[in-house]
Amino acid sequence: MNSQLIVKSIKDLFQLCPLEKIQFYNQDLVIIVKPNLLYDILLFFKYHVSYQFDILTCITGVDYPNNKYRFKLVYDLLSIRYNIRLRVKTFTHELFGVDSCDKLYFTAGWYECEIWDMYGVFFKNHSNLKRILTDYGFEGHPLRKDFPLSGFVEMKYNETEKRVINESIELCQEYRTFKFLSPW
């Protein structure tokens, strides 16, 4: 079955299913689904004989703070058998959890921990959801658009104490006069 037939069969199959949207982007098929249907859609595409998207290549997150559903999650799937890629997107916000697919795709565990750490999107039924890129005492989620760019505490590794320490910083700037016509 070639990629054009797969695309046509997906369109025909999901005429009855409550998908948000089906679109193309640079020769890739993109399906937008509701977050409560995400796990079922991924399960279907992995085990159905006509699709066999066995590999989850990536999960990414995007923050749109002005939207009602602030976070977009993008799942990139690959079918080795049919040599086709599928991108499944869903939208959520910080109060909703998304079903984890780490038991379905083993690579999803790391990606979901990263998205939890950086954006604060909670994955329900995850086997070991924890911070992996920031310190365990870290407050906030650094890739959110509303995350402050400067603060009052600096975290750094102290070689003599052999641990991460927090130091207060002072953000002050002296008043300067700039002479824009002077080359110096």
Foldseek 3Di string as FASTA:
>chain_A
DAPVVVVVVVVVVCPVPPWPDWDDDPNAIETEHELVCVLVVVVCQCPPPSHNQVAFPAWDWDADPVDPQGIKIWTWTAHPVRGHIYIYIYTHHLVDAGAQCCVVHVVSLVRQLLCCQAPVHHHPPRPDRAHDPDDRPDDDHNNHPPDDPDDQWDWDADPVVRGIDIDGDDDDDDDDDDDPVDPD
